[in-house]
Amino acid sequence: MRSVIAYIRVSTERQGKSGLGIEAQREAIARFVAAEGLDLIAEHVEVETGKGVDALDRRPVLREALAQARKAKAAVVVAKLDRLSRDVAFIAGLMAQRVPFIVCELGADVDPFVLHMFAALAQKERAMIAERTRLALAQKKAQGAILGNRTNLPEAQAKGAAANREGADAFAANVLPIVRQLQAAGVTGFRAIARALNDRGVRTARGGEWHDSTVRNLLARA
């Protein structure tokens, strides 16, 4: 039986739009593993925020998954290709790690060339969306619209604070299901939960390790 390691990734920025939260990805991978008769030996969950997410040095949990897969001679399985990246160069760099990848939506025996092709299509789609957005903003500006909020700084600051709160709430919504599972399994106390999250490779919103205080703050948002 072929061994696989699950890699699940969410970002607070795209969580609501993607429809692929932690539990949805976990369920998709579980169904795929069962259908293909694979042996799921580990799971790594990465909650990342901010820009530069396609750089491997900004994805410590993915690095851990790669290292474990290499040691166990296993493949890394993801629900969708964009859970790895939409960047062709990044996908090519992952291929160079000599760890096979399985994408549930593409099937178990997809050739690496096909992965590159789908990554190229996803990258092109992202570039086209960015270009359409740029042209739309340029057209509004040409029509005399004032872009941004230059006259009401307090209001802009309030909106920024609200956006930060929404981001923190979204991050909490991603991680709380994991905490609830730990609590249901008998892991109690802030320190024990922090240790369990760190052992699972789950990072804080800032990409660091969990401590008593960060777990306390997370649960306070529940």
Protein backbone atom coordinates (compact mmCIF):
# COMPACT_ATOMS: atom_id res chain seq x y z
CA MET A 1 0.00 0.00 0.00
CA ARG A 2 1.41 3.39 -1.03
CA SER A 3 2.06 5.78 1.84
CA VAL A 4 1.03 9.42 1.59
CA ILE A 5 1.28 12.54 3.75
CA ALA A 6 -1.52 15.10 3.62
CA TYR A 7 -0.70 18.78 3.23
CA ILE A 8 -3.52 21.23 3.94
CA ARG A 9 -3.14 24.98 3.47
CA VAL A 10 -5.45 27.91 4.04
CA SER A 11 -4.89 31.64 3.99
CA THR A 12 -7.04 34.12 5.88
CA GLU A 13 -7.21 36.30 2.76
CA ARG A 14 -8.79 33.68 0.49
CA GLN A 15 -10.43 31.37 3.02
CA GLY A 16 -14.00 32.53 2.48
CA LYS A 17 -13.71 32.74 -1.31
CA SER A 18 -12.03 29.41 -2.01
CA GLY A 19 -14.57 27.17 -0.33
CA LEU A 20 -11.69 24.95 0.67
CA GLY A 21 -11.16 25.39 4.38
CA ILE A 22 -9.26 22.97 6.57
CA GLU A 23 -12.13 20.57 7.09
CA ALA A 24 -13.16 20.61 3.42
CA GLN A 25 -9.62 19.80 2.30
CA ARG A 26 -9.31 17.11 4.97
CA GLU A 27 -12.54 15.47 3.83
CA ALA A 28 -11.54 15.63 0.14
CA ILE A 29 -8.21 14.00 0.90
CA ALA A 30 -9.82 11.35 3.11
CA ARG A 31 -12.28 10.39 0.36
CA PHE A 32 -9.50 10.25 -2.21
CA VAL A 33 -7.19 8.18 0.00
CA ALA A 34 -9.97 5.69 0.72
CA ALA A 35 -10.96 5.40 -2.95
CA GLU A 36 -7.37 4.88 -4.10
CA GLY A 37 -6.43 2.50 -1.29
CA LEU A 38 -3.61 4.71 0.00
CA ASP A 39 -2.12 4.73 3.49
CA LEU A 40 -2.34 8.18 5.10
CA ILE A 41 0.50 8.27 7.64
CA ALA A 42 0.56 11.96 8.62
CA GLU A 43 -1.11 15.32 8.13
CA HIS A 44 0.43 18.79 8.05
CA VAL A 45 -1.73 21.92 8.29
CA GLU A 46 -0.40 25.34 7.31
CA VAL A 47 -2.23 28.56 8.04
CA GLU A 48 -0.37 31.32 6.26
CA THR A 49 -1.08 35.00 5.84
CA GLY A 50 0.43 37.92 3.98
CA LYS A 51 2.38 38.11 0.75
CA GLY A 52 5.26 36.04 -0.54
CA VAL A 53 3.40 32.81 0.13
CA ASP A 54 4.96 31.05 -2.86
CA ALA A 55 8.45 31.12 -1.33
CA LEU A 56 9.32 27.81 0.30
CA ASP A 57 11.18 29.56 3.11
CA ARG A 58 7.84 31.18 4.04
CA ARG A 59 6.12 27.80 4.16
CA PRO A 60 7.81 25.98 7.10
CA VAL A 61 5.06 23.38 7.42
CA LEU A 62 5.41 22.42 3.75
CA ARG A 63 9.16 22.02 4.32
CA GLU A 64 8.40 19.69 7.23
CA ALA A 65 5.96 17.68 5.10
CA LEU A 66 8.58 17.34 2.36
CA ALA A 67 11.23 16.19 4.84
CA GLN A 68 8.93 13.60 6.39
CA ALA A 69 7.79 12.34 2.99
CA ARG A 70 11.37 12.02 1.81
CA LYS A 71 12.33 10.06 4.91
CA ALA A 72 9.28 7.79 4.71
CA LYS A 73 9.52 7.41 0.91
CA ALA A 74 5.94 8.69 0.72
CA ALA A 75 4.08 11.08 -1.55
CA VAL A 76 2.54 14.40 -0.48
CA VAL A 77 -1.19 14.62 -1.25
CA VAL A 78 -3.18 17.88 -1.56
CA ALA A 79 -6.84 18.51 -2.33
CA LYS A 80 -6.19 21.04 -5.11
CA LEU A 81 -3.10 22.21 -6.96
CA ASP A 82 -3.48 25.78 -5.70
CA ARG A 83 -3.00 24.48 -2.15
CA LEU A 84 0.63 24.07 -3.24
CA SER A 85 0.88 27.13 -5.46
CA ARG A 86 -0.31 28.81 -8.66
CA ASP A 87 3.25 29.68 -9.57
CA VAL A 88 4.98 27.53 -12.20
CA ALA A 89 8.47 28.21 -10.87
CA PHE A 90 7.40 27.23 -7.36
CA ILE A 91 5.84 23.97 -8.62
CA ALA A 92 9.03 23.26 -10.59
CA GLY A 93 11.07 23.87 -7.44
CA LEU A 94 8.91 21.38 -5.55
CA MET A 95 9.49 18.79 -8.26
CA ALA A 96 13.21 19.25 -7.73
CA GLN A 97 12.74 18.14 -4.11
CA ARG A 98 12.33 14.59 -5.47
CA VAL A 99 9.13 14.05 -3.51
CA PRO A 100 6.12 12.91 -5.55
CA PHE A 101 2.94 14.96 -5.29
CA ILE A 102 -0.63 13.75 -5.70
CA VAL A 103 -3.42 16.24 -6.40
CA CYS A 104 -6.84 14.80 -5.56
CA GLU A 105 -8.72 16.77 -8.21
CA LEU A 106 -6.32 15.57 -10.93
CA GLY A 107 -6.02 11.90 -9.98
CA ALA A 108 -3.35 9.61 -8.57
CA ASP A 109 -1.26 9.02 -11.69
CA VAL A 110 -0.89 12.48 -13.20
CA ASP A 111 2.41 13.01 -14.98
CA PRO A 112 4.62 15.83 -13.59
CA PHE A 113 4.38 17.57 -16.97
CA VAL A 114 0.60 17.81 -16.52
CA LEU A 115 1.10 19.41 -13.08
CA HIS A 116 3.33 22.02 -14.71
CA MET A 117 0.68 22.65 -17.35
CA PHE A 118 -2.11 23.15 -14.82
CA ALA A 119 0.16 25.41 -12.75
CA ALA A 120 0.89 27.47 -15.88
CA LEU A 121 -2.84 27.84 -16.56
CA ALA A 122 -3.49 28.92 -12.96
CA GLN A 123 -0.63 31.44 -13.10
CA LYS A 124 -1.96 32.85 -16.38
CA GLU A 125 -5.44 33.18 -14.86
CA ARG A 126 -4.03 35.07 -11.88
CA ALA A 127 -2.10 37.42 -14.18
CA MET A 128 -5.21 38.08 -16.29
CA ILE A 129 -7.28 38.92 -13.20
CA ALA A 130 -4.58 41.34 -12.01
CA GLU A 131 -4.42 42.99 -15.43
CA ARG A 132 -8.21 43.39 -15.65
CA THR A 133 -8.20 44.98 -12.19
CA ARG A 134 -5.41 47.38 -13.20
CA LEU A 135 -7.23 48.44 -16.38
CA ALA A 136 -10.51 48.96 -14.51
CA LEU A 137 -8.82 51.21 -11.95
CA ALA A 138 -7.02 53.14 -14.70
CA GLN A 139 -10.35 53.71 -16.48
CA LYS A 140 -11.99 55.00 -13.29
CA LYS A 141 -9.07 57.34 -12.72
CA ALA A 142 -9.30 58.64 -16.31
CA GLN A 143 -12.99 59.38 -15.72
CA GLY A 144 -12.08 61.58 -12.79
CA ALA A 145 -12.70 59.18 -9.92
CA ILE A 146 -10.48 59.69 -6.87
CA LEU A 147 -9.01 56.36 -5.89
CA GLY A 148 -8.27 55.66 -2.26
CA ASN A 149 -9.33 57.65 0.78
CA ARG A 150 -7.31 60.86 0.89
CA THR A 151 -9.67 63.10 2.83
CA ASN A 152 -10.87 61.06 5.79
CA LEU A 153 -7.90 59.51 7.56
CA PRO A 154 -9.81 58.53 10.74
CA GLU A 155 -12.37 56.66 8.67
CA ALA A 156 -9.62 54.93 6.70
CA GLN A 157 -7.88 53.95 9.93
CA ALA A 158 -11.14 52.58 11.32
CA LYS A 159 -11.66 50.51 8.17
CA GLY A 160 -8.10 49.22 8.45
CA ALA A 161 -8.67 48.21 12.06
CA ALA A 162 -11.90 46.46 11.06
CA ALA A 163 -10.07 44.60 8.31
CA ASN A 164 -7.43 43.49 10.82
CA ARG A 165 -10.15 42.21 13.14
CA GLU A 166 -11.78 40.35 10.27
CA GLY A 167 -8.43 38.77 9.40
CA ALA A 168 -7.91 37.69 13.00
CA ASP A 169 -11.43 36.26 13.13
CA ALA A 170 -10.85 34.36 9.89
CA PHE A 171 -7.58 32.97 11.19
CA ALA A 172 -9.29 31.87 14.41
CA ALA A 173 -12.03 30.19 12.38
CA ASN A 174 -9.35 28.19 10.56
CA VAL A 175 -7.53 27.01 13.66
CA LEU A 176 -10.38 26.55 16.16
CA PRO A 177 -11.58 23.26 14.58
CA ILE A 178 -8.13 21.81 15.25
CA VAL A 179 -8.21 23.04 18.86
CA ARG A 180 -11.68 21.56 19.36
CA GLN A 181 -10.42 18.20 18.11
CA LEU A 182 -7.53 18.35 20.55
CA GLN A 183 -9.86 19.20 23.42
CA ALA A 184 -12.19 16.37 22.46
CA ALA A 185 -9.19 14.03 22.54
CA GLY A 186 -8.43 15.09 26.11
CA VAL A 187 -5.81 17.78 25.50
CA THR A 188 -6.67 20.54 27.97
CA GLY A 189 -4.89 23.60 29.28
CA PHE A 190 -3.35 26.40 27.24
CA ARG A 191 0.18 25.00 27.47
CA ALA A 192 -0.85 21.49 26.40
CA ILE A 193 -2.85 22.84 23.47
CA ALA A 194 0.06 25.06 22.40
CA ARG A 195 2.43 22.08 22.50
CA ALA A 196 -0.01 19.96 20.45
CA LEU A 197 -0.45 22.69 17.81
CA ASN A 198 3.32 23.08 17.50
CA ASP A 199 3.73 19.30 17.18
CA ARG A 200 1.18 19.30 14.34
CA GLY A 201 3.07 22.02 12.50
CA VAL A 202 0.30 24.61 12.85
CA ARG A 203 1.71 28.15 12.99
CA THR A 204 0.29 31.29 14.57
CA ALA A 205 -1.04 34.14 12.45
CA ARG A 206 2.45 35.66 12.49
CA GLY A 207 4.07 32.38 11.49
CA GLY A 208 5.56 31.63 14.91
CA GLU A 209 5.08 28.96 17.55
CA TRP A 210 2.16 28.76 19.95
CA HIS A 211 2.42 29.70 23.64
CA ASP A 212 0.00 29.88 26.55
CA SER A 213 -0.92 33.47 25.73
CA THR A 214 -1.56 32.92 22.01
CA VAL A 215 -3.82 29.95 22.72
CA ARG A 216 -5.66 32.00 25.37
CA ASN A 217 -6.18 34.84 22.89
CA LEU A 218 -7.39 32.43 20.22
CA LEU A 219 -9.97 30.84 22.50
CA ALA A 220 -11.10 34.27 23.66
CA ARG A 221 -12.23 34.99 20.08
CA ALA A 222 -14.39 31.84 19.97
